[in-house]
N, C-alpha and C. Protein backbone atom coordinates (compact mmCIF):
# COMPACT_ATOMS: atom_id res chain seq x y z
N MET A 1 -16.25 50.64 200.16
CA MET A 1 -15.46 51.16 201.27
C MET A 1 -13.99 51.30 200.84
N THR A 2 -13.39 52.45 201.11
CA THR A 2 -12.01 52.72 200.72
C THR A 2 -11.03 52.28 201.80
N ASP A 3 -9.94 51.69 201.37
CA ASP A 3 -8.87 51.33 202.31
C ASP A 3 -8.03 52.57 202.54
N SER A 4 -8.20 53.22 203.69
CA SER A 4 -7.55 54.50 203.95
C SER A 4 -6.02 54.39 204.00
N PHE A 5 -5.52 53.29 204.52
CA PHE A 5 -4.07 53.12 204.62
C PHE A 5 -3.44 53.01 203.24
N LEU A 6 -4.11 52.28 202.35
CA LEU A 6 -3.62 52.14 200.97
C LEU A 6 -3.79 53.45 200.21
N LYS A 7 -4.89 54.13 200.47
CA LYS A 7 -5.20 55.36 199.74
C LYS A 7 -4.14 56.44 199.96
N LYS A 8 -3.66 56.57 201.21
CA LYS A 8 -2.73 57.66 201.50
C LYS A 8 -1.37 57.47 200.84
N SER A 9 -1.07 56.23 200.41
CA SER A 9 0.20 55.97 199.73
C SER A 9 0.07 56.02 198.22
N ALA A 10 -1.11 56.32 197.71
CA ALA A 10 -1.36 56.29 196.26
C ALA A 10 -0.42 57.20 195.47
N PRO A 11 -0.16 58.44 195.89
CA PRO A 11 0.76 59.29 195.12
C PRO A 11 2.18 58.73 195.06
N ILE A 12 2.65 58.17 196.17
CA ILE A 12 4.00 57.59 196.20
C ILE A 12 4.07 56.38 195.27
N ARG A 13 3.04 55.56 195.32
CA ARG A 13 2.99 54.37 194.49
C ARG A 13 2.93 54.74 193.00
N ALA A 14 2.14 55.75 192.66
CA ALA A 14 2.03 56.18 191.26
C ALA A 14 3.37 56.67 190.74
N ASP A 15 4.09 57.42 191.58
CA ASP A 15 5.41 57.92 191.19
C ASP A 15 6.40 56.78 191.00
N PHE A 16 6.33 55.79 191.91
CA PHE A 16 7.21 54.63 191.82
C PHE A 16 6.94 53.83 190.56
N PHE A 17 5.66 53.57 190.27
CA PHE A 17 5.29 52.79 189.08
C PHE A 17 5.73 53.51 187.79
N GLU A 18 5.65 54.83 187.81
CA GLU A 18 6.04 55.59 186.62
C GLU A 18 7.55 55.55 186.41
N LYS A 19 8.29 55.79 187.47
CA LYS A 19 9.75 55.86 187.35
C LYS A 19 10.39 54.49 187.12
N GLN A 20 9.77 53.44 187.65
CA GLN A 20 10.35 52.09 187.54
C GLN A 20 9.60 51.22 186.53
N ALA A 21 8.84 51.83 185.65
CA ALA A 21 7.97 51.08 184.73
C ALA A 21 8.75 50.07 183.90
N GLU A 22 9.87 50.49 183.35
CA GLU A 22 10.66 49.60 182.49
C GLU A 22 11.20 48.41 183.26
N LEU A 23 11.75 48.66 184.46
CA LEU A 23 12.29 47.58 185.28
C LEU A 23 11.19 46.63 185.73
N LEU A 24 10.07 47.17 186.17
CA LEU A 24 8.96 46.33 186.64
C LEU A 24 8.40 45.47 185.51
N GLU A 25 8.34 46.02 184.31
CA GLU A 25 7.86 45.25 183.16
C GLU A 25 8.83 44.11 182.84
N LYS A 26 10.13 44.41 182.92
CA LYS A 26 11.15 43.37 182.66
C LYS A 26 11.06 42.25 183.68
N LEU A 27 10.89 42.61 184.95
CA LEU A 27 10.79 41.60 186.00
C LEU A 27 9.53 40.75 185.83
N ALA A 28 8.45 41.38 185.41
CA ALA A 28 7.20 40.64 185.18
C ALA A 28 7.34 39.68 184.01
N GLN A 29 8.06 40.10 182.99
CA GLN A 29 8.21 39.28 181.78
C GLN A 29 9.24 38.16 181.99
N GLU A 30 10.37 38.50 182.60
CA GLU A 30 11.49 37.57 182.66
C GLU A 30 11.63 36.85 184.00
N GLY A 31 10.92 37.30 185.04
CA GLY A 31 11.05 36.69 186.35
C GLY A 31 12.19 37.31 187.14
N GLN A 32 12.39 36.80 188.34
CA GLN A 32 13.41 37.37 189.22
C GLN A 32 14.70 36.56 189.22
N SER A 33 15.79 37.26 189.47
CA SER A 33 17.10 36.63 189.61
C SER A 33 17.90 37.43 190.64
N PRO A 34 17.46 37.38 191.90
CA PRO A 34 18.09 38.21 192.94
C PRO A 34 19.53 37.82 193.20
N GLU A 35 20.30 38.81 193.62
CA GLU A 35 21.72 38.59 193.90
C GLU A 35 21.94 37.97 195.27
N ALA A 36 20.98 38.16 196.18
CA ALA A 36 21.18 37.67 197.54
C ALA A 36 19.87 37.36 198.23
N LEU A 37 19.96 36.43 199.19
CA LEU A 37 18.89 36.24 200.17
C LEU A 37 19.31 37.02 201.40
N PHE A 38 18.47 37.96 201.82
CA PHE A 38 18.74 38.79 202.98
C PHE A 38 17.83 38.32 204.11
N ILE A 39 18.43 37.84 205.20
CA ILE A 39 17.67 37.42 206.38
C ILE A 39 17.91 38.46 207.46
N GLY A 40 16.85 39.18 207.80
CA GLY A 40 16.98 40.27 208.76
C GLY A 40 15.85 40.28 209.76
N CYS A 41 15.91 41.25 210.65
CA CYS A 41 14.90 41.39 211.69
C CYS A 41 13.66 42.08 211.13
N SER A 42 12.51 41.81 211.73
CA SER A 42 11.26 42.44 211.32
C SER A 42 11.15 43.89 211.75
N ASP A 43 12.09 44.36 212.55
CA ASP A 43 12.07 45.72 213.09
C ASP A 43 11.79 46.75 211.98
N SER A 44 10.86 47.65 212.25
CA SER A 44 10.44 48.63 211.24
C SER A 44 11.54 49.63 210.88
N ARG A 45 12.58 49.70 211.71
CA ARG A 45 13.68 50.64 211.44
C ARG A 45 14.75 50.05 210.53
N VAL A 46 14.62 48.79 210.22
CA VAL A 46 15.61 48.11 209.39
C VAL A 46 15.02 47.87 208.00
N SER A 47 15.54 48.54 207.01
CA SER A 47 15.05 48.43 205.63
C SER A 47 16.16 47.92 204.73
N PRO A 48 16.14 46.64 204.37
CA PRO A 48 17.23 46.08 203.56
C PRO A 48 17.49 46.85 202.27
N GLU A 49 16.41 47.22 201.59
CA GLU A 49 16.57 47.90 200.31
C GLU A 49 17.25 49.26 200.49
N ARG A 50 16.90 49.96 201.57
CA ARG A 50 17.53 51.26 201.82
C ARG A 50 18.99 51.11 202.21
N LEU A 51 19.27 50.12 203.04
CA LEU A 51 20.65 49.91 203.50
C LEU A 51 21.58 49.55 202.35
N LEU A 52 21.05 48.84 201.35
CA LEU A 52 21.89 48.36 200.25
C LEU A 52 21.66 49.12 198.95
N GLY A 53 20.73 50.06 198.94
CA GLY A 53 20.44 50.77 197.71
C GLY A 53 19.91 49.84 196.64
N ALA A 54 19.13 48.85 197.06
CA ALA A 54 18.67 47.81 196.14
C ALA A 54 17.40 48.22 195.40
N ASN A 55 17.27 47.73 194.19
CA ASN A 55 16.09 47.93 193.36
C ASN A 55 15.19 46.70 193.44
N PRO A 56 13.95 46.80 192.97
CA PRO A 56 13.11 45.61 192.87
C PRO A 56 13.82 44.52 192.08
N GLY A 57 13.77 43.30 192.59
CA GLY A 57 14.42 42.18 191.92
C GLY A 57 15.82 41.88 192.41
N ASP A 58 16.40 42.79 193.23
CA ASP A 58 17.78 42.59 193.69
C ASP A 58 17.89 41.65 194.88
N LEU A 59 16.90 41.68 195.78
CA LEU A 59 16.98 40.93 197.02
C LEU A 59 15.78 40.01 197.21
N PHE A 60 16.05 38.81 197.69
CA PHE A 60 15.02 37.91 198.19
C PHE A 60 15.11 38.05 199.71
N VAL A 61 14.00 38.30 200.38
CA VAL A 61 14.06 38.74 201.78
C VAL A 61 13.24 37.85 202.71
N LEU A 62 13.85 37.50 203.84
CA LEU A 62 13.16 36.82 204.94
C LEU A 62 13.40 37.64 206.20
N ARG A 63 12.32 38.06 206.85
CA ARG A 63 12.46 38.86 208.07
C ARG A 63 11.64 38.23 209.19
N ASN A 64 12.21 38.22 210.38
CA ASN A 64 11.52 37.70 211.55
C ASN A 64 12.12 38.33 212.80
N ILE A 65 11.62 37.98 213.96
CA ILE A 65 12.15 38.53 215.20
C ILE A 65 13.60 38.08 215.42
N ALA A 66 14.49 39.05 215.53
CA ALA A 66 15.91 38.82 215.86
C ALA A 66 16.68 38.04 214.80
N ASN A 67 16.23 38.13 213.53
CA ASN A 67 16.93 37.49 212.40
C ASN A 67 17.39 36.07 212.72
N VAL A 68 16.44 35.27 213.19
CA VAL A 68 16.74 33.90 213.62
C VAL A 68 16.56 32.90 212.47
N VAL A 69 17.46 31.93 212.41
CA VAL A 69 17.32 30.77 211.52
C VAL A 69 17.37 29.53 212.39
N PRO A 70 16.24 28.90 212.66
CA PRO A 70 16.28 27.70 213.50
C PRO A 70 17.15 26.62 212.86
N PRO A 71 17.84 25.80 213.66
CA PRO A 71 18.58 24.67 213.08
C PRO A 71 17.64 23.79 212.26
N TYR A 72 18.21 23.12 211.27
CA TYR A 72 17.41 22.33 210.32
C TYR A 72 16.48 21.35 211.03
N ALA A 73 16.95 20.71 212.09
CA ALA A 73 16.14 19.71 212.80
C ALA A 73 14.95 20.32 213.52
N HIS A 74 14.97 21.64 213.73
CA HIS A 74 13.89 22.31 214.46
C HIS A 74 13.22 23.41 213.64
N SER A 75 13.49 23.43 212.35
CA SER A 75 13.00 24.53 211.54
C SER A 75 11.49 24.45 211.29
N ASP A 76 10.89 25.62 211.09
CA ASP A 76 9.49 25.69 210.69
C ASP A 76 9.41 25.64 209.17
N ALA A 77 8.23 25.31 208.67
CA ALA A 77 8.05 25.13 207.22
C ALA A 77 8.32 26.43 206.47
N GLY A 78 7.92 27.56 207.05
CA GLY A 78 8.09 28.84 206.36
C GLY A 78 9.55 29.18 206.12
N THR A 79 10.38 29.05 207.14
CA THR A 79 11.80 29.35 207.00
C THR A 79 12.46 28.40 206.01
N THR A 80 12.16 27.11 206.14
CA THR A 80 12.76 26.12 205.23
C THR A 80 12.36 26.37 203.79
N ALA A 81 11.10 26.73 203.58
CA ALA A 81 10.61 26.98 202.22
C ALA A 81 11.33 28.16 201.58
N VAL A 82 11.54 29.23 202.34
CA VAL A 82 12.25 30.39 201.81
C VAL A 82 13.68 30.01 201.44
N LEU A 83 14.36 29.29 202.33
CA LEU A 83 15.73 28.89 202.06
C LEU A 83 15.81 27.97 200.85
N GLU A 84 14.91 27.00 200.77
CA GLU A 84 14.90 26.09 199.62
C GLU A 84 14.69 26.85 198.32
N TYR A 85 13.74 27.77 198.33
CA TYR A 85 13.43 28.49 197.09
C TYR A 85 14.61 29.36 196.67
N ALA A 86 15.21 30.05 197.65
CA ALA A 86 16.32 30.95 197.34
C ALA A 86 17.55 30.19 196.87
N VAL A 87 17.90 29.12 197.58
CA VAL A 87 19.15 28.40 197.30
C VAL A 87 19.00 27.40 196.16
N CYS A 88 17.90 26.67 196.15
CA CYS A 88 17.74 25.60 195.17
C CYS A 88 17.13 26.07 193.85
N HIS A 89 16.16 26.97 193.92
CA HIS A 89 15.48 27.41 192.70
C HIS A 89 16.09 28.69 192.12
N LEU A 90 16.23 29.72 192.95
CA LEU A 90 16.79 30.98 192.46
C LEU A 90 18.30 30.94 192.39
N GLN A 91 18.91 30.02 193.15
CA GLN A 91 20.36 29.86 193.18
C GLN A 91 21.08 31.19 193.45
N VAL A 92 20.65 31.85 194.51
CA VAL A 92 21.30 33.12 194.88
C VAL A 92 22.76 32.85 195.21
N PRO A 93 23.67 33.72 194.78
CA PRO A 93 25.09 33.51 195.07
C PRO A 93 25.51 33.99 196.46
N HIS A 94 24.66 34.80 197.10
CA HIS A 94 25.00 35.34 198.42
C HIS A 94 23.84 35.16 199.39
N LEU A 95 24.18 34.83 200.63
CA LEU A 95 23.19 34.71 201.69
C LEU A 95 23.67 35.56 202.87
N ILE A 96 22.86 36.55 203.23
CA ILE A 96 23.23 37.52 204.26
C ILE A 96 22.35 37.34 205.48
N ILE A 97 22.96 37.26 206.66
CA ILE A 97 22.21 37.33 207.91
C ILE A 97 22.60 38.65 208.57
N CYS A 98 21.62 39.52 208.77
CA CYS A 98 21.89 40.86 209.26
C CYS A 98 21.14 41.13 210.56
N GLY A 99 21.88 41.33 211.63
CA GLY A 99 21.30 41.74 212.90
C GLY A 99 21.41 43.24 213.06
N HIS A 100 20.87 43.77 214.14
CA HIS A 100 20.98 45.21 214.38
C HIS A 100 20.94 45.50 215.88
N THR A 101 21.59 46.57 216.28
CA THR A 101 21.55 46.99 217.67
C THR A 101 20.21 47.64 217.98
N ASP A 102 19.91 47.77 219.26
CA ASP A 102 18.60 48.25 219.71
C ASP A 102 17.49 47.31 219.27
N CYS A 103 17.82 46.05 219.12
CA CYS A 103 16.86 45.03 218.68
C CYS A 103 15.97 44.62 219.85
N GLY A 104 14.66 44.79 219.68
CA GLY A 104 13.72 44.43 220.74
C GLY A 104 13.75 42.95 221.08
N GLY A 105 13.96 42.11 220.07
CA GLY A 105 14.03 40.67 220.31
C GLY A 105 15.21 40.30 221.18
N ILE A 106 16.37 40.89 220.89
CA ILE A 106 17.56 40.61 221.68
C ILE A 106 17.42 41.17 223.09
N LYS A 107 16.80 42.33 223.22
CA LYS A 107 16.56 42.89 224.55
C LYS A 107 15.61 41.98 225.34
N ALA A 108 14.59 41.45 224.66
CA ALA A 108 13.66 40.53 225.33
C ALA A 108 14.37 39.25 225.74
N LEU A 109 15.30 38.78 224.90
CA LEU A 109 16.07 37.59 225.22
C LEU A 109 16.86 37.77 226.50
N ASP A 110 17.29 39.00 226.76
CA ASP A 110 18.13 39.29 227.91
C ASP A 110 17.32 39.70 229.14
N THR A 111 16.01 39.46 229.11
CA THR A 111 15.14 39.70 230.26
C THR A 111 14.42 38.40 230.59
N ARG A 112 13.59 38.44 231.63
CA ARG A 112 12.82 37.24 231.99
C ARG A 112 11.48 37.26 231.26
N LEU A 113 11.45 36.60 230.13
CA LEU A 113 10.21 36.52 229.35
C LEU A 113 9.20 35.62 230.05
N ASN A 114 7.94 36.01 229.96
CA ASN A 114 6.86 35.22 230.54
C ASN A 114 6.36 34.23 229.50
N VAL A 115 6.72 32.96 229.67
CA VAL A 115 6.37 31.95 228.68
C VAL A 115 4.87 31.76 228.56
N GLU A 116 4.14 32.01 229.62
CA GLU A 116 2.69 31.86 229.56
C GLU A 116 2.03 33.02 228.82
N ALA A 117 2.57 34.22 228.99
CA ALA A 117 1.98 35.39 228.33
C ALA A 117 2.41 35.51 226.87
N GLU A 118 3.65 35.13 226.57
CA GLU A 118 4.18 35.25 225.22
C GLU A 118 4.91 33.98 224.81
N PRO A 119 4.19 32.88 224.66
CA PRO A 119 4.86 31.60 224.36
C PRO A 119 5.56 31.59 223.02
N GLY A 120 4.97 32.25 222.03
CA GLY A 120 5.60 32.27 220.71
C GLY A 120 6.94 32.96 220.73
N LEU A 121 6.98 34.13 221.34
CA LEU A 121 8.22 34.89 221.44
C LEU A 121 9.24 34.15 222.28
N PHE A 122 8.81 33.59 223.39
CA PHE A 122 9.72 32.85 224.28
C PHE A 122 10.36 31.69 223.53
N ASN A 123 9.56 30.89 222.85
CA ASN A 123 10.09 29.70 222.17
C ASN A 123 10.98 30.08 220.99
N TRP A 124 10.60 31.12 220.25
CA TRP A 124 11.38 31.55 219.09
C TRP A 124 12.77 32.02 219.51
N LEU A 125 12.83 32.78 220.59
CA LEU A 125 14.10 33.36 221.01
C LEU A 125 15.06 32.34 221.62
N GLN A 126 14.57 31.14 221.89
CA GLN A 126 15.48 30.10 222.39
C GLN A 126 16.53 29.75 221.34
N PHE A 127 16.23 30.01 220.06
CA PHE A 127 17.21 29.75 219.00
C PHE A 127 18.33 30.79 219.00
N ALA A 128 18.14 31.86 219.76
CA ALA A 128 19.19 32.87 219.93
C ALA A 128 19.84 32.79 221.30
N ARG A 129 19.33 31.93 222.17
CA ARG A 129 19.81 31.85 223.55
C ARG A 129 21.32 31.58 223.66
N PRO A 130 21.92 30.74 222.79
CA PRO A 130 23.36 30.51 222.92
C PRO A 130 24.19 31.79 222.82
N ALA A 131 23.71 32.76 222.06
CA ALA A 131 24.44 34.03 221.94
C ALA A 131 24.48 34.77 223.27
N GLN A 132 23.37 34.74 223.98
CA GLN A 132 23.33 35.38 225.30
C GLN A 132 24.25 34.66 226.28
N ARG A 133 24.23 33.33 226.25
CA ARG A 133 25.04 32.56 227.19
C ARG A 133 26.53 32.78 226.96
N GLN A 134 26.91 33.05 225.72
CA GLN A 134 28.33 33.27 225.41
C GLN A 134 28.89 34.51 226.10
N VAL A 135 28.03 35.51 226.34
CA VAL A 135 28.52 36.75 226.96
C VAL A 135 28.13 36.84 228.44
N GLU A 136 27.48 35.80 228.94
CA GLU A 136 26.95 35.82 230.30
C GLU A 136 28.05 36.08 231.34
N ALA A 137 29.19 35.47 231.15
CA ALA A 137 30.26 35.57 232.16
C ALA A 137 31.13 36.82 231.98
N GLU A 138 30.93 37.55 230.88
CA GLU A 138 31.76 38.73 230.63
C GLU A 138 31.27 39.92 231.44
N ASN A 139 32.18 40.69 231.94
CA ASN A 139 31.85 41.87 232.74
C ASN A 139 31.70 43.08 231.81
N LEU A 140 30.49 43.24 231.27
CA LEU A 140 30.26 44.28 230.28
C LEU A 140 29.19 45.25 230.76
N GLY A 141 29.29 46.50 230.32
CA GLY A 141 28.24 47.46 230.57
C GLY A 141 27.01 47.12 229.74
N ASP A 142 25.91 47.81 230.00
CA ASP A 142 24.64 47.49 229.33
C ASP A 142 24.74 47.55 227.81
N TRP A 143 25.33 48.63 227.28
CA TRP A 143 25.43 48.78 225.83
C TRP A 143 26.36 47.74 225.23
N GLU A 144 27.53 47.57 225.85
CA GLU A 144 28.49 46.59 225.32
C GLU A 144 27.92 45.18 225.35
N ARG A 145 27.17 44.87 226.41
CA ARG A 145 26.55 43.55 226.51
C ARG A 145 25.52 43.35 225.40
N HIS A 146 24.69 44.34 225.18
CA HIS A 146 23.67 44.24 224.13
C HIS A 146 24.33 44.07 222.76
N ARG A 147 25.34 44.90 222.47
CA ARG A 147 26.03 44.80 221.19
C ARG A 147 26.66 43.42 221.02
N ALA A 148 27.27 42.90 222.08
CA ALA A 148 27.93 41.60 222.00
C ALA A 148 26.92 40.49 221.72
N ILE A 149 25.74 40.56 222.35
CA ILE A 149 24.73 39.53 222.10
C ILE A 149 24.21 39.61 220.66
N VAL A 150 23.99 40.84 220.19
CA VAL A 150 23.55 41.03 218.80
C VAL A 150 24.56 40.41 217.84
N GLU A 151 25.84 40.69 218.06
CA GLU A 151 26.88 40.17 217.18
C GLU A 151 26.99 38.66 217.27
N ARG A 152 26.99 38.11 218.48
CA ARG A 152 27.12 36.66 218.63
C ARG A 152 25.89 35.94 218.08
N ASN A 153 24.74 36.61 218.12
CA ASN A 153 23.54 36.00 217.55
C ASN A 153 23.67 35.83 216.04
N VAL A 154 24.24 36.82 215.38
CA VAL A 154 24.47 36.68 213.93
C VAL A 154 25.37 35.49 213.65
N VAL A 155 26.43 35.35 214.42
CA VAL A 155 27.35 34.22 214.24
C VAL A 155 26.62 32.90 214.52
N GLN A 156 25.78 32.88 215.55
CA GLN A 156 25.01 31.68 215.88
C GLN A 156 24.10 31.28 214.73
N GLN A 157 23.43 32.26 214.12
CA GLN A 157 22.52 31.95 213.02
C GLN A 157 23.28 31.51 211.76
N LEU A 158 24.49 32.01 211.59
CA LEU A 158 25.33 31.51 210.49
C LEU A 158 25.64 30.03 210.69
N ARG A 159 25.84 29.63 211.94
CA ARG A 159 26.07 28.20 212.23
C ARG A 159 24.79 27.40 211.94
N HIS A 160 23.67 27.93 212.39
CA HIS A 160 22.40 27.22 212.18
C HIS A 160 22.14 26.98 210.70
N ILE A 161 22.39 28.00 209.89
CA ILE A 161 22.01 27.88 208.48
C ILE A 161 22.84 26.82 207.76
N GLN A 162 24.01 26.53 208.30
CA GLN A 162 24.85 25.49 207.69
C GLN A 162 24.42 24.08 208.09
N THR A 163 23.36 23.96 208.90
CA THR A 163 22.81 22.63 209.20
C THR A 163 21.80 22.19 208.14
N TYR A 164 21.44 23.09 207.21
CA TYR A 164 20.51 22.74 206.13
C TYR A 164 21.31 22.05 205.03
N PRO A 165 20.96 20.82 204.69
CA PRO A 165 21.78 20.06 203.74
C PRO A 165 21.99 20.75 202.40
N PHE A 166 20.95 21.38 201.87
CA PHE A 166 21.07 22.02 200.56
C PHE A 166 21.92 23.30 200.63
N VAL A 167 21.94 23.96 201.78
CA VAL A 167 22.82 25.11 201.96
C VAL A 167 24.27 24.64 202.02
N LEU A 168 24.52 23.59 202.79
CA LEU A 168 25.87 23.04 202.90
C LEU A 168 26.38 22.56 201.55
N GLU A 169 25.50 21.93 200.78
CA GLU A 169 25.88 21.45 199.45
C GLU A 169 26.29 22.62 198.54
N ALA A 170 25.52 23.70 198.59
CA ALA A 170 25.82 24.88 197.77
C ALA A 170 27.13 25.53 198.21
N LEU A 171 27.38 25.56 199.51
CA LEU A 171 28.64 26.12 200.03
C LEU A 171 29.83 25.29 199.57
N GLU A 172 29.71 23.98 199.67
CA GLU A 172 30.82 23.10 199.31
C GLU A 172 31.10 23.13 197.81
N ALA A 173 30.06 23.45 197.02
CA ALA A 173 30.23 23.55 195.57
C ALA A 173 30.64 24.96 195.14
N ASN A 174 30.87 25.83 196.12
CA ASN A 174 31.25 27.23 195.86
C ASN A 174 30.20 27.97 195.03
N ARG A 175 28.94 27.60 195.21
CA ARG A 175 27.84 28.30 194.55
C ARG A 175 27.22 29.36 195.46
N LEU A 176 27.63 29.36 196.71
CA LEU A 176 27.00 30.23 197.70
C LEU A 176 28.05 30.78 198.66
N GLU A 177 27.90 32.05 199.01
CA GLU A 177 28.79 32.68 199.99
C GLU A 177 27.95 33.25 201.13
N LEU A 178 28.37 33.00 202.36
CA LEU A 178 27.65 33.48 203.54
C LEU A 178 28.25 34.81 204.03
N HIS A 179 27.36 35.68 204.52
CA HIS A 179 27.78 36.96 205.06
C HIS A 179 27.05 37.20 206.38
N GLY A 180 27.76 37.65 207.40
CA GLY A 180 27.16 38.03 208.67
C GLY A 180 27.36 39.52 208.89
N TRP A 181 26.28 40.26 209.02
CA TRP A 181 26.35 41.71 209.16
C TRP A 181 25.64 42.17 210.42
N VAL A 182 26.03 43.32 210.91
CA VAL A 182 25.29 44.01 211.97
C VAL A 182 25.12 45.47 211.57
N TYR A 183 23.90 45.96 211.71
CA TYR A 183 23.59 47.37 211.49
C TYR A 183 23.57 48.04 212.86
N TYR A 184 24.56 48.92 213.09
CA TYR A 184 24.66 49.63 214.36
C TYR A 184 23.77 50.88 214.26
N LEU A 185 22.56 50.72 214.73
CA LEU A 185 21.47 51.65 214.45
C LEU A 185 21.80 53.09 214.86
N ARG A 186 22.21 53.29 216.10
CA ARG A 186 22.46 54.65 216.58
C ARG A 186 23.68 55.28 215.94
N ARG A 187 24.66 54.45 215.62
CA ARG A 187 25.89 54.97 215.01
C ARG A 187 25.77 55.10 213.50
N ARG A 188 24.71 54.52 212.94
CA ARG A 188 24.48 54.55 211.49
C ARG A 188 25.69 53.98 210.73
N LEU A 189 26.13 52.80 211.19
CA LEU A 189 27.25 52.10 210.59
C LEU A 189 26.89 50.65 210.35
N MET A 190 27.61 50.01 209.42
CA MET A 190 27.45 48.59 209.16
C MET A 190 28.74 47.87 209.50
N GLY A 191 28.63 46.65 210.03
CA GLY A 191 29.79 45.83 210.32
C GLY A 191 29.62 44.46 209.70
N TYR A 192 30.73 43.83 209.37
CA TYR A 192 30.67 42.48 208.80
C TYR A 192 31.53 41.54 209.66
N TYR A 193 31.12 40.28 209.69
CA TYR A 193 31.82 39.29 210.50
C TYR A 193 33.02 38.75 209.75
N ASP A 194 34.19 38.83 210.40
CA ASP A 194 35.42 38.25 209.88
C ASP A 194 35.67 36.95 210.63
N PRO A 195 35.43 35.79 209.98
CA PRO A 195 35.59 34.52 210.68
C PRO A 195 37.02 34.20 211.07
N VAL A 196 37.98 34.76 210.37
CA VAL A 196 39.39 34.51 210.70
C VAL A 196 39.73 35.16 212.04
N ARG A 197 39.31 36.40 212.20
CA ARG A 197 39.57 37.14 213.45
C ARG A 197 38.47 36.93 214.48
N ASP A 198 37.37 36.32 214.08
CA ASP A 198 36.22 36.09 214.94
C ASP A 198 35.75 37.40 215.58
N ARG A 199 35.56 38.39 214.74
CA ARG A 199 35.06 39.66 215.23
C ARG A 199 34.40 40.44 214.08
N PHE A 200 33.66 41.47 214.44
CA PHE A 200 33.00 42.30 213.44
C PHE A 200 33.85 43.52 213.12
N GLU A 201 33.98 43.77 211.83
CA GLU A 201 34.74 44.90 211.35
C GLU A 201 33.78 45.93 210.77
N ILE A 202 33.99 47.20 211.11
CA ILE A 202 33.14 48.27 210.58
C ILE A 202 33.51 48.55 209.13
N HIS A 203 32.48 48.67 208.32
CA HIS A 203 32.71 48.97 206.90
C HIS A 203 31.96 50.24 206.52
């Protein structure tokens, strides 16, 4: 029996293997040494490699709903394992948390989720809840409110990631640099968090 989904991508894959043969062989022989750990949303419209023009071997990637990093005391094994491997074994010099506008997870966070119907989503998004509460009292329109929650969520996850002892150790030893980004989907722009000004700057 043929896997139809895999079959239809065969020409693209053959072209990729041919053009990247030398790089893929080098990575297979020498292993990986990525420049960054990219933590982003699972949204199908967000492609880290496309956004950064990255090649195979450039990025170590963790994606989940709303680019969440649970605090160390509440982390799941999968998230912790990725962070440990990236920071302790691969010793990536950069760690990026990238959110995006029009994020379904953030929109769900800002509605009344049914905990009985979607317990996994409800519980996961509680790690982003502080971002929503920060803008709760602000008198913002729908778009501005959504953008503000997306941005504050990135900042919240940057705080969470610093609760991991090995991440904090790498930061204090100047072996690791943190980056907070937002991909403004409709505007096709990227922004970065400036901690001094406590705001996102378009780049």
